[in-house]
């Protein structure tokens, strides 16, 4: 079971206007049970590239990162975990600050 305990996120700029919608980069803090094959005593991050278009969100790319070594881990999200991450990202889209 995947548990998200926090995140950082920022909007990615598309200076040439090549991409549809908006893109965001999330770093999700992931808590994993010690019995899970993903477990690392250093902790895990999940880097997610997320797109938002017409109020609908979609994960475009993701990968797990060991916090201690910054090594990319070769694991995939299960279908229910991907749905959880997608929902989390959609609910936590960064709000643009206007001056």
PDB file of N, CA and C in Angstrom:
ATOM      1  N   UNK A   1       0.842  -1.191   0.000  1.00  0.00           N
ATOM      2  CA  UNK A   1       0.000   0.000   0.000  1.00  0.00           C
ATOM      3  C   UNK A   1       0.879   1.243   0.000  1.00  0.00           C
ATOM      4  N   UNK A   2       0.580   2.143  -0.871  1.00  0.00           N
ATOM      5  CA  UNK A   2       1.336   3.360  -1.060  1.00  0.00           C
ATOM      6  C   UNK A   2       0.706   4.480  -0.230  1.00  0.00           C
ATOM      7  N   UNK A   3       1.525   5.140   0.582  1.00  0.00           N
ATOM      8  CA  UNK A   3       1.022   6.257   1.379  1.00  0.00           C
ATOM      9  C   UNK A   3       1.859   7.493   1.068  1.00  0.00           C
ATOM     10  N   UNK A   4       1.183   8.561   0.678  1.00  0.00           N
ATOM     11  CA  UNK A   4       1.854   9.813   0.354  1.00  0.00           C
ATOM     12  C   UNK A   4       1.822  10.702   1.596  1.00  0.00           C
ATOM     13  N   UNK A   5       3.012  11.097   2.081  1.00  0.00           N
ATOM     14  CA  UNK A   5       3.079  11.860   3.326  1.00  0.00           C
ATOM     15  C   UNK A   5       3.403  13.337   3.123  1.00  0.00           C
ATOM     16  N   UNK A   6       3.532  13.757   1.888  1.00  0.00           N
ATOM     17  CA  UNK A   6       3.821  15.157   1.601  1.00  0.00           C
ATOM     18  C   UNK A   6       4.367  15.290   0.190  1.00  0.00           C
ATOM     19  N   UNK A   7       4.589  16.526  -0.225  1.00  0.00           N
ATOM     20  CA  UNK A   7       5.075  16.737  -1.583  1.00  0.00           C
ATOM     21  C   UNK A   7       5.640  18.137  -1.776  1.00  0.00           C
ATOM     22  N   UNK A   8       6.360  18.293  -2.860  1.00  0.00           N
ATOM     23  CA  UNK A   8       6.677  19.597  -3.420  1.00  0.00           C
ATOM     24  C   UNK A   8       6.217  19.537  -4.866  1.00  0.00           C
ATOM     25  N   UNK A   9       5.826  20.671  -5.405  1.00  0.00           N
ATOM     26  CA  UNK A   9       5.348  20.697  -6.784  1.00  0.00           C
ATOM     27  C   UNK A   9       5.606  22.065  -7.384  1.00  0.00           C
ATOM     28  N   UNK A  10       5.839  22.065  -8.681  1.00  0.00           N
ATOM     29  CA  UNK A  10       5.984  23.329  -9.383  1.00  0.00           C
ATOM     30  C   UNK A  10       5.521  23.163 -10.823  1.00  0.00           C
ATOM     31  N   UNK A  11       5.060  24.271 -11.380  1.00  0.00           N
ATOM     32  CA  UNK A  11       4.611  24.274 -12.769  1.00  0.00           C
ATOM     33  C   UNK A  11       5.836  24.293 -13.674  1.00  0.00           C
ATOM     34  N   UNK A  12       5.809  23.482 -14.716  1.00  0.00           N
ATOM     35  CA  UNK A  12       6.888  23.464 -15.690  1.00  0.00           C
ATOM     36  C   UNK A  12       6.554  24.447 -16.809  1.00  0.00           C
ATOM     37  N   UNK A  13       7.525  25.225 -17.189  1.00  0.00           N
ATOM     38  CA  UNK A  13       7.326  26.207 -18.259  1.00  0.00           C
ATOM     39  C   UNK A  13       7.437  25.519 -19.619  1.00  0.00           C
ATOM     40  N   UNK A  14       6.631  25.959 -20.560  1.00  0.00           N
ATOM     41  CA  UNK A  14       6.659  25.490 -21.944  1.00  0.00           C
ATOM     42  C   UNK A  14       6.849  26.724 -22.828  1.00  0.00           C
ATOM     43  N   UNK A  15       8.096  27.212 -22.930  1.00  0.00           N
ATOM     44  CA  UNK A  15       8.335  28.481 -23.613  1.00  0.00           C
ATOM     45  C   UNK A  15       7.935  28.481 -25.088  1.00  0.00           C
ATOM     46  N   UNK A  16       7.874  27.320 -25.715  1.00  0.00           N
ATOM     47  CA  UNK A  16       7.552  27.259 -27.138  1.00  0.00           C
ATOM     48  C   UNK A  16       6.094  26.885 -27.395  1.00  0.00           C
ATOM     49  N   UNK A  17       5.338  26.608 -26.340  1.00  0.00           N
ATOM     50  CA  UNK A  17       3.927  26.274 -26.498  1.00  0.00           C
ATOM     51  C   UNK A  17       3.688  24.972 -27.231  1.00  0.00           C
ATOM     52  N   UNK A  18       4.575  24.008 -27.056  1.00  0.00           N
ATOM     53  CA  UNK A  18       4.471  22.731 -27.766  1.00  0.00           C
ATOM     54  C   UNK A  18       3.517  21.741 -27.103  1.00  0.00           C
ATOM     55  N   UNK A  19       3.283  21.907 -25.809  1.00  0.00           N
ATOM     56  CA  UNK A  19       2.502  20.929 -25.064  1.00  0.00           C
ATOM     57  C   UNK A  19       1.074  21.409 -24.844  1.00  0.00           C
ATOM     58  N   UNK A  20       0.141  20.479 -24.910  1.00  0.00           N
ATOM     59  CA  UNK A  20      -1.256  20.792 -24.596  1.00  0.00           C
ATOM     60  C   UNK A  20      -1.410  20.900 -23.081  1.00  0.00           C
ATOM     61  N   UNK A  21      -2.217  21.832 -22.616  1.00  0.00           N
ATOM     62  CA  UNK A  21      -2.476  21.955 -21.188  1.00  0.00           C
ATOM     63  C   UNK A  21      -1.265  22.445 -20.422  1.00  0.00           C
ATOM     64  N   UNK A  22      -1.283  22.192 -19.116  1.00  0.00           N
ATOM     65  CA  UNK A  22      -0.197  22.605 -18.224  1.00  0.00           C
ATOM     66  C   UNK A  22       0.515  21.368 -17.701  1.00  0.00           C
ATOM     67  N   UNK A  23       1.809  21.502 -17.428  1.00  0.00           N
ATOM     68  CA  UNK A  23       2.601  20.398 -16.889  1.00  0.00           C
ATOM     69  C   UNK A  23       3.142  20.803 -15.530  1.00  0.00           C
ATOM     70  N   UNK A  24       3.160  19.825 -14.617  1.00  0.00           N
ATOM     71  CA  UNK A  24       3.673  20.041 -13.269  1.00  0.00           C
ATOM     72  C   UNK A  24       4.639  18.928 -12.919  1.00  0.00           C
ATOM     73  N   UNK A  25       5.632  19.279 -12.106  1.00  0.00           N
ATOM     74  CA  UNK A  25       6.581  18.291 -11.597  1.00  0.00           C
ATOM     75  C   UNK A  25       6.355  18.176 -10.099  1.00  0.00           C
ATOM     76  N   UNK A  26       6.051  16.958  -9.672  1.00  0.00           N
ATOM     77  CA  UNK A  26       5.828  16.667  -8.253  1.00  0.00           C
ATOM     78  C   UNK A  26       6.947  15.767  -7.744  1.00  0.00           C
ATOM     79  N   UNK A  27       7.338  16.002  -6.500  1.00  0.00           N
ATOM     80  CA  UNK A  27       8.171  15.068  -5.758  1.00  0.00           C
ATOM     81  C   UNK A  27       7.331  14.658  -4.557  1.00  0.00           C
ATOM     82  N   UNK A  28       6.831  13.436  -4.588  1.00  0.00           N
ATOM     83  CA  UNK A  28       5.962  12.928  -3.532  1.00  0.00           C
ATOM     84  C   UNK A  28       6.784  12.136  -2.529  1.00  0.00           C
ATOM     85  N   UNK A  29       6.620  12.433  -1.244  1.00  0.00           N
ATOM     86  CA  UNK A  29       7.243  11.627  -0.183  1.00  0.00           C
ATOM     87  C   UNK A  29       6.375  10.390   0.007  1.00  0.00           C
ATOM     88  N   UNK A  30       6.990   9.228  -0.123  1.00  0.00           N
ATOM     89  CA  UNK A  30       6.264   7.959  -0.063  1.00  0.00           C
ATOM     90  C   UNK A  30       6.667   7.189   1.191  1.00  0.00           C
ATOM     91  N   UNK A  31       5.664   6.785   1.954  1.00  0.00           N
ATOM     92  CA  UNK A  31       5.895   5.913   3.105  1.00  0.00           C
ATOM     93  C   UNK A  31       5.550   4.492   2.690  1.00  0.00           C
ATOM     94  N   UNK A  32       6.486   3.584   2.905  1.00  0.00           N
ATOM     95  CA  UNK A  32       6.306   2.194   2.504  1.00  0.00           C
ATOM     96  C   UNK A  32       6.563   1.295   3.702  1.00  0.00           C
ATOM     97  N   UNK A  33       5.734   0.296   3.867  1.00  0.00           N
ATOM     98  CA  UNK A  33       5.893  -0.681   4.947  1.00  0.00           C
ATOM     99  C   UNK A  33       7.232  -1.408   4.801  1.00  0.00           C
ATOM    100  N   UNK A  34       7.852  -1.744   5.923  1.00  0.00           N
ATOM    101  CA  UNK A  34       9.156  -2.426   5.913  1.00  0.00           C
ATOM    102  C   UNK A  34       9.130  -3.760   5.178  1.00  0.00           C
ATOM    103  N   UNK A  35       7.969  -4.381   5.075  1.00  0.00           N
ATOM    104  CA  UNK A  35       7.852  -5.676   4.396  1.00  0.00           C
ATOM    105  C   UNK A  35       7.754  -5.537   2.879  1.00  0.00           C
ATOM    106  N   UNK A  36       7.523  -4.328   2.389  1.00  0.00           N
ATOM    107  CA  UNK A  36       7.355  -4.082   0.957  1.00  0.00           C
ATOM    108  C   UNK A  36       8.706  -4.095   0.257  1.00  0.00           C
ATOM    109  N   UNK A  37       8.746  -4.609  -0.983  1.00  0.00           N
ATOM    110  CA  UNK A  37      10.008  -4.660  -1.725  1.00  0.00           C
ATOM    111  C   UNK A  37      10.546  -3.276  -2.074  1.00  0.00           C
ATOM    112  N   UNK A  38       9.704  -2.263  -2.035  1.00  0.00           N
ATOM    113  CA  UNK A  38      10.129  -0.886  -2.293  1.00  0.00           C
ATOM    114  C   UNK A  38      10.769  -0.221  -1.080  1.00  0.00           C
ATOM    115  N   UNK A  39      10.659  -0.827   0.079  1.00  0.00           N
ATOM    116  CA  UNK A  39      11.120  -0.201   1.319  1.00  0.00           C
ATOM    117  C   UNK A  39      12.602   0.173   1.244  1.00  0.00           C
ATOM    118  N   UNK A  40      12.908   1.366   1.727  1.00  0.00           N
ATOM    119  CA  UNK A  40      14.284   1.836   1.880  1.00  0.00           C
ATOM    120  C   UNK A  40      14.355   2.584   3.197  1.00  0.00           C
ATOM    121  N   UNK A  41      15.356   2.304   4.014  1.00  0.00           N
ATOM    122  CA  UNK A  41      15.457   3.012   5.289  1.00  0.00           C
ATOM    123  C   UNK A  41      15.764   4.495   5.083  1.00  0.00           C
ATOM    124  N   UNK A  42      16.251   4.858   3.904  1.00  0.00           N
ATOM    125  CA  UNK A  42      16.514   6.258   3.578  1.00  0.00           C
ATOM    126  C   UNK A  42      15.244   7.024   3.216  1.00  0.00           C
ATOM    127  N   UNK A  43      14.203   6.300   2.865  1.00  0.00           N
ATOM    128  CA  UNK A  43      12.962   6.920   2.410  1.00  0.00           C
ATOM    129  C   UNK A  43      12.890   6.969   0.895  1.00  0.00           C
ATOM    130  N   UNK A  44      11.692   7.178   0.391  1.00  0.00           N
ATOM    131  CA  UNK A  44      11.471   7.196  -1.051  1.00  0.00           C
ATOM    132  C   UNK A  44      10.776   8.464  -1.502  1.00  0.00           C
ATOM    133  N   UNK A  45      11.125   8.868  -2.706  1.00  0.00           N
ATOM    134  CA  UNK A  45      10.410   9.925  -3.405  1.00  0.00           C
ATOM    135  C   UNK A  45       9.823   9.313  -4.669  1.00  0.00           C
ATOM    136  N   UNK A  46       8.724   9.857  -5.097  1.00  0.00           N
ATOM    137  CA  UNK A  46       8.159   9.497  -6.392  1.00  0.00           C
ATOM    138  C   UNK A  46       8.114  10.785  -7.197  1.00  0.00           C
ATOM    139  N   UNK A  47       8.919  10.844  -8.267  1.00  0.00           N
ATOM    140  CA  UNK A  47       8.904  12.019  -9.140  1.00  0.00           C
ATOM    141  C   UNK A  47       7.825  11.778 -10.187  1.00  0.00           C
ATOM    142  N   UNK A  48       6.928  12.751 -10.334  1.00  0.00           N
ATOM    143  CA  UNK A  48       5.807  12.615 -11.253  1.00  0.00           C
ATOM    144  C   UNK A  48       5.738  13.841 -12.157  1.00  0.00           C
ATOM    145  N   UNK A  49       5.620  13.596 -13.453  1.00  0.00           N
ATOM    146  CA  UNK A  49       5.285  14.657 -14.400  1.00  0.00           C
ATOM    147  C   UNK A  49       3.794  14.491 -14.665  1.00  0.00           C
ATOM    148  N   UNK A  50       3.040  15.534 -14.364  1.00  0.00           N
ATOM    149  CA  UNK A  50       1.583  15.488 -14.374  1.00  0.00           C
ATOM    150  C   UNK A  50       1.054  16.565 -15.304  1.00  0.00           C
ATOM    151  N   UNK A  51       0.097  16.215 -16.145  1.00  0.00           N
ATOM    152  CA  UNK A  51      -0.494  17.215 -17.036  1.00  0.00           C
ATOM    153  C   UNK A  51      -1.923  17.507 -16.615  1.00  0.00           C
ATOM    154  N   UNK A  52      -2.326  18.741 -16.838  1.00  0.00           N
ATOM    155  CA  UNK A  52      -3.669  19.181 -16.504  1.00  0.00           C
ATOM    156  C   UNK A  52      -4.242  19.896 -17.720  1.00  0.00           C
ATOM    157  N   UNK A  53      -5.377  19.386 -18.183  1.00  0.00           N
ATOM    158  CA  UNK A  53      -6.027  19.984 -19.345  1.00  0.00           C
ATOM    159  C   UNK A  53      -7.531  19.892 -19.172  1.00  0.00           C
ATOM    160  N   UNK A  54      -8.210  21.026 -19.262  1.00  0.00           N
ATOM    161  CA  UNK A  54      -9.667  21.090 -19.117  1.00  0.00           C
ATOM    162  C   UNK A  54     -10.155  20.433 -17.822  1.00  0.00           C
ATOM    163  N   UNK A  55      -9.412  20.646 -16.723  1.00  0.00           N
ATOM    164  CA  UNK A  55      -9.813  20.119 -15.425  1.00  0.00           C
ATOM    165  C   UNK A  55      -9.540  18.640 -15.223  1.00  0.00           C
ATOM    166  N   UNK A  56      -8.954  18.001 -16.224  1.00  0.00           N
ATOM    167  CA  UNK A  56      -8.649  16.573 -16.133  1.00  0.00           C
ATOM    168  C   UNK A  56      -7.137  16.388 -16.023  1.00  0.00           C
ATOM    169  N   UNK A  57      -6.707  15.525 -15.103  1.00  0.00           N
ATOM    170  CA  UNK A  57      -5.286  15.321 -14.893  1.00  0.00           C
ATOM    171  C   UNK A  57      -4.831  13.953 -15.337  1.00  0.00           C
ATOM    172  N   UNK A  58      -3.544  13.862 -15.717  1.00  0.00           N
ATOM    173  CA  UNK A  58      -2.986  12.581 -16.158  1.00  0.00           C
ATOM    174  C   UNK A  58      -1.501  12.520 -15.824  1.00  0.00           C
ATOM    175  N   UNK A  59      -1.077  11.376 -15.315  1.00  0.00           N
ATOM    176  CA  UNK A  59       0.349  11.138 -15.071  1.00  0.00           C
ATOM    177  C   UNK A  59       1.002  10.886 -16.423  1.00  0.00           C
ATOM    178  N   UNK A  60       2.021  11.660 -16.742  1.00  0.00           N
ATOM    179  CA  UNK A  60       2.739  11.493 -18.008  1.00  0.00           C
ATOM    180  C   UNK A  60       3.988  10.637 -17.842  1.00  0.00           C
ATOM    181  N   UNK A  61       4.617  10.755 -16.665  1.00  0.00           N
ATOM    182  CA  UNK A  61       5.847  10.008 -16.405  1.00  0.00           C
ATOM    183  C   UNK A  61       6.067   9.977 -14.903  1.00  0.00           C
ATOM    184  N   UNK A  62       6.683   8.915 -14.414  1.00  0.00           N
ATOM    185  CA  UNK A  62       7.027   8.850 -12.996  1.00  0.00           C
ATOM    186  C   UNK A  62       8.190   7.902 -12.793  1.00  0.00           C
ATOM    187  N   UNK A  63       8.888   8.090 -11.687  1.00  0.00           N
ATOM    188  CA  UNK A  63       9.865   7.105 -11.243  1.00  0.00           C
ATOM    189  C   UNK A  63      10.161   7.295  -9.765  1.00  0.00           C
ATOM    190  N   UNK A  64      10.533   6.186  -9.137  1.00  0.00           N
ATOM    191  CA  UNK A  64      10.880   6.174  -7.721  1.00  0.00           C
ATOM    192  C   UNK A  64      12.346   6.539  -7.559  1.00  0.00           C
ATOM    193  N   UNK A  65      12.648   7.267  -6.476  1.00  0.00           N
ATOM    194  CA  UNK A  65      14.013   7.674  -6.175  1.00  0.00           C
ATOM    195  C   UNK A  65      14.301   7.357  -4.705  1.00  0.00           C
ATOM    196  N   UNK A  66      15.426   6.686  -4.447  1.00  0.00           N
ATOM    197  CA  UNK A  66      15.886   6.453  -3.078  1.00  0.00           C
ATOM    198  C   UNK A  66      16.438   7.771  -2.553  1.00  0.00           C
ATOM    199  N   UNK A  67      15.896   8.269  -1.445  1.00  0.00           N
ATOM    200  CA  UNK A  67      16.316   9.572  -0.907  1.00  0.00           C
ATOM    201  C   UNK A  67      17.794   9.605  -0.514  1.00  0.00           C
ATOM    202  N   UNK A  68      18.297   8.500   0.003  1.00  0.00           N
ATOM    203  CA  UNK A  68      19.678   8.486   0.493  1.00  0.00           C
ATOM    204  C   UNK A  68      20.707   8.486  -0.613  1.00  0.00           C
ATOM    205  N   UNK A  69      20.455   7.743  -1.674  1.00  0.00           N
ATOM    206  CA  UNK A  69      21.436   7.604  -2.751  1.00  0.00           C
ATOM    207  C   UNK A  69      21.067   8.396  -4.003  1.00  0.00           C
ATOM    208  N   UNK A  70      19.822   8.889  -4.057  1.00  0.00           N
ATOM    209  CA  UNK A  70      19.267   9.564  -5.225  1.00  0.00           C
ATOM    210  C   UNK A  70      19.261   8.657  -6.453  1.00  0.00           C
ATOM    211  N   UNK A  71      19.308   7.363  -6.211  1.00  0.00           N
ATOM    212  CA  UNK A  71      19.289   6.375  -7.295  1.00  0.00           C
ATOM    213  C   UNK A  71      17.841   6.148  -7.746  1.00  0.00           C
ATOM    214  N   UNK A  72      17.645   6.088  -9.063  1.00  0.00           N
ATOM    215  CA  UNK A  72      16.329   5.785  -9.617  1.00  0.00           C
ATOM    216  C   UNK A  72      16.090   4.285  -9.490  1.00  0.00           C
ATOM    217  N   UNK A  73      14.921   3.926  -8.974  1.00  0.00           N
ATOM    218  CA  UNK A  73      14.574   2.528  -8.759  1.00  0.00           C
ATOM    219  C   UNK A  73      13.631   2.048  -9.852  1.00  0.00           C
ATOM    220  N   UNK A  74      13.846   0.832 -10.306  1.00  0.00           N
ATOM    221  CA  UNK A  74      13.069   0.276 -11.419  1.00  0.00           C
ATOM    222  C   UNK A  74      11.832  -0.458 -10.904  1.00  0.00           C
ATOM    223  N   UNK A  75      10.824   0.311 -10.510  1.00  0.00           N
ATOM    224  CA  UNK A  75       9.558  -0.239 -10.041  1.00  0.00           C
ATOM    225  C   UNK A  75       8.424   0.496 -10.743  1.00  0.00           C
ATOM    226  N   UNK A  76       7.315  -0.182 -10.903  1.00  0.00           N
ATOM    227  CA  UNK A  76       6.130   0.430 -11.502  1.00  0.00           C
ATOM    228  C   UNK A  76       5.020   0.506 -10.463  1.00  0.00           C
ATOM    229  N   UNK A  77       4.168   1.491 -10.623  1.00  0.00           N
ATOM    230  CA  UNK A  77       2.987   1.604  -9.773  1.00  0.00           C
ATOM    231  C   UNK A  77       1.950   0.575 -10.205  1.00  0.00           C
ATOM    232  N   UNK A  78       1.251   0.025  -9.230  1.00  0.00           N
ATOM    233  CA  UNK A  78       0.114  -0.830  -9.548  1.00  0.00           C
ATOM    234  C   UNK A  78      -1.044   0.073  -9.957  1.00  0.00           C
ATOM    235  N   UNK A  79      -2.040  -0.490 -10.604  1.00  0.00           N
ATOM    236  CA  UNK A  79      -3.152   0.295 -11.132  1.00  0.00           C
ATOM    237  C   UNK A  79      -3.834   1.148 -10.052  1.00  0.00           C
ATOM    238  N   UNK A  80      -4.095   0.553  -8.884  1.00  0.00           N
ATOM    239  CA  UNK A  80      -4.754   1.309  -7.808  1.00  0.00           C
ATOM    240  C   UNK A  80      -3.831   2.391  -7.247  1.00  0.00           C
ATOM    241  N   UNK A  81      -2.520   2.127  -7.201  1.00  0.00           N
ATOM    242  CA  UNK A  81      -1.559   3.121  -6.726  1.00  0.00           C
ATOM    243  C   UNK A  81      -1.474   4.285  -7.708  1.00  0.00           C
ATOM    244  N   UNK A  82      -1.503   3.969  -8.986  1.00  0.00           N
ATOM    245  CA  UNK A  82      -1.463   5.020 -10.003  1.00  0.00           C
ATOM    246  C   UNK A  82      -2.698   5.911  -9.891  1.00  0.00           C
ATOM    247  N   UNK A  83      -3.852   5.313  -9.632  1.00  0.00           N
ATOM    248  CA  UNK A  83      -5.082   6.089  -9.442  1.00  0.00           C
ATOM    249  C   UNK A  83      -4.961   6.992  -8.211  1.00  0.00           C
ATOM    250  N   UNK A  84      -4.364   6.476  -7.134  1.00  0.00           N
ATOM    251  CA  UNK A  84      -4.157   7.257  -5.919  1.00  0.00           C
ATOM    252  C   UNK A  84      -3.245   8.449  -6.187  1.00  0.00           C
ATOM    253  N   UNK A  85      -2.142   8.217  -6.897  1.00  0.00           N
ATOM    254  CA  UNK A  85      -1.192   9.291  -7.215  1.00  0.00           C
ATOM    255  C   UNK A  85      -1.850  10.318  -8.129  1.00  0.00           C
ATOM    256  N   UNK A  86      -2.591   9.862  -9.119  1.00  0.00           N
ATOM    257  CA  UNK A  86      -3.263  10.773 -10.041  1.00  0.00           C
ATOM    258  C   UNK A  86      -4.240  11.684  -9.275  1.00  0.00           C
ATOM    259  N   UNK A  87      -5.018  11.087  -8.396  1.00  0.00           N
ATOM    260  CA  UNK A  87      -5.987  11.847  -7.600  1.00  0.00           C
ATOM    261  C   UNK A  87      -5.258  12.848  -6.692  1.00  0.00           C
ATOM    262  N   UNK A  88      -4.184  12.402  -6.043  1.00  0.00           N
ATOM    263  CA  UNK A  88      -3.413  13.266  -5.151  1.00  0.00           C
ATOM    264  C   UNK A  88      -2.869  14.481  -5.914  1.00  0.00           C
ATOM    265  N   UNK A  89      -2.275  14.230  -7.083  1.00  0.00           N
ATOM    266  CA  UNK A  89      -1.709  15.326  -7.875  1.00  0.00           C
ATOM    267  C   UNK A  89      -2.802  16.297  -8.308  1.00  0.00           C
ATOM    268  N   UNK A  90      -3.929  15.778  -8.747  1.00  0.00           N
ATOM    269  CA  UNK A  90      -5.039  16.628  -9.179  1.00  0.00           C
ATOM    270  C   UNK A  90      -5.549  17.503  -8.033  1.00  0.00           C
ATOM    271  N   UNK A  91      -5.592  16.936  -6.828  1.00  0.00           N
ATOM    272  CA  UNK A  91      -6.074  17.681  -5.658  1.00  0.00           C
ATOM    273  C   UNK A  91      -5.041  18.660  -5.117  1.00  0.00           C
ATOM    274  N   UNK A  92      -3.799  18.543  -5.557  1.00  0.00           N
ATOM    275  CA  UNK A  92      -2.718  19.393  -5.030  1.00  0.00           C
ATOM    276  C   UNK A  92      -1.975  20.158  -6.106  1.00  0.00           C
ATOM    277  N   UNK A  93      -2.695  20.588  -7.132  1.00  0.00           N
ATOM    278  CA  UNK A  93      -2.091  21.398  -8.188  1.00  0.00           C
ATOM    279  C   UNK A  93      -1.661  22.727  -7.576  1.00  0.00           C
ATOM    280  N   UNK A  94      -0.426  23.138  -7.836  1.00  0.00           N
ATOM    281  CA  UNK A  94       0.049  24.405  -7.273  1.00  0.00           C
ATOM    282  C   UNK A  94      -0.806  25.584  -7.756  1.00  0.00           C
ATOM    283  N   UNK A  95      -1.082  26.494  -6.846  1.00  0.00           N
ATOM    284  CA  UNK A  95      -1.854  27.691  -7.168  1.00  0.00           C
ATOM    285  C   UNK A  95      -0.883  28.775  -7.624  1.00  0.00           C
ATOM    286  N   UNK A  96      -1.183  29.346  -8.774  1.00  0.00           N
ATOM    287  CA  UNK A  96      -0.345  30.420  -9.302  1.00  0.00           C
ATOM    288  C   UNK A  96      -0.535  31.678  -8.447  1.00  0.00           C
ATOM    289  N   UNK A  97       0.572  32.284  -8.057  1.00  0.00           N
ATOM    290  CA  UNK A  97       0.501  33.533  -7.301  1.00  0.00           C
ATOM    291  C   UNK A  97       0.558  34.695  -8.285  1.00  0.00           C
ATOM    292  N   UNK A  98      -0.322  35.640  -8.109  1.00  0.00           N
ATOM    293  CA  UNK A  98      -0.329  36.827  -8.956  1.00  0.00           C
ATOM    294  C   UNK A  98       0.122  38.034  -8.137  1.00  0.00           C
ATOM    295  N   UNK A  99       0.905  38.906  -8.774  1.00  0.00           N
ATOM    296  CA  UNK A  99       1.390  40.066  -8.046  1.00  0.00           C
ATOM    297  C   UNK A  99       0.551  41.287  -8.334  1.00  0.00           C
TER     298      UNK A  99
END
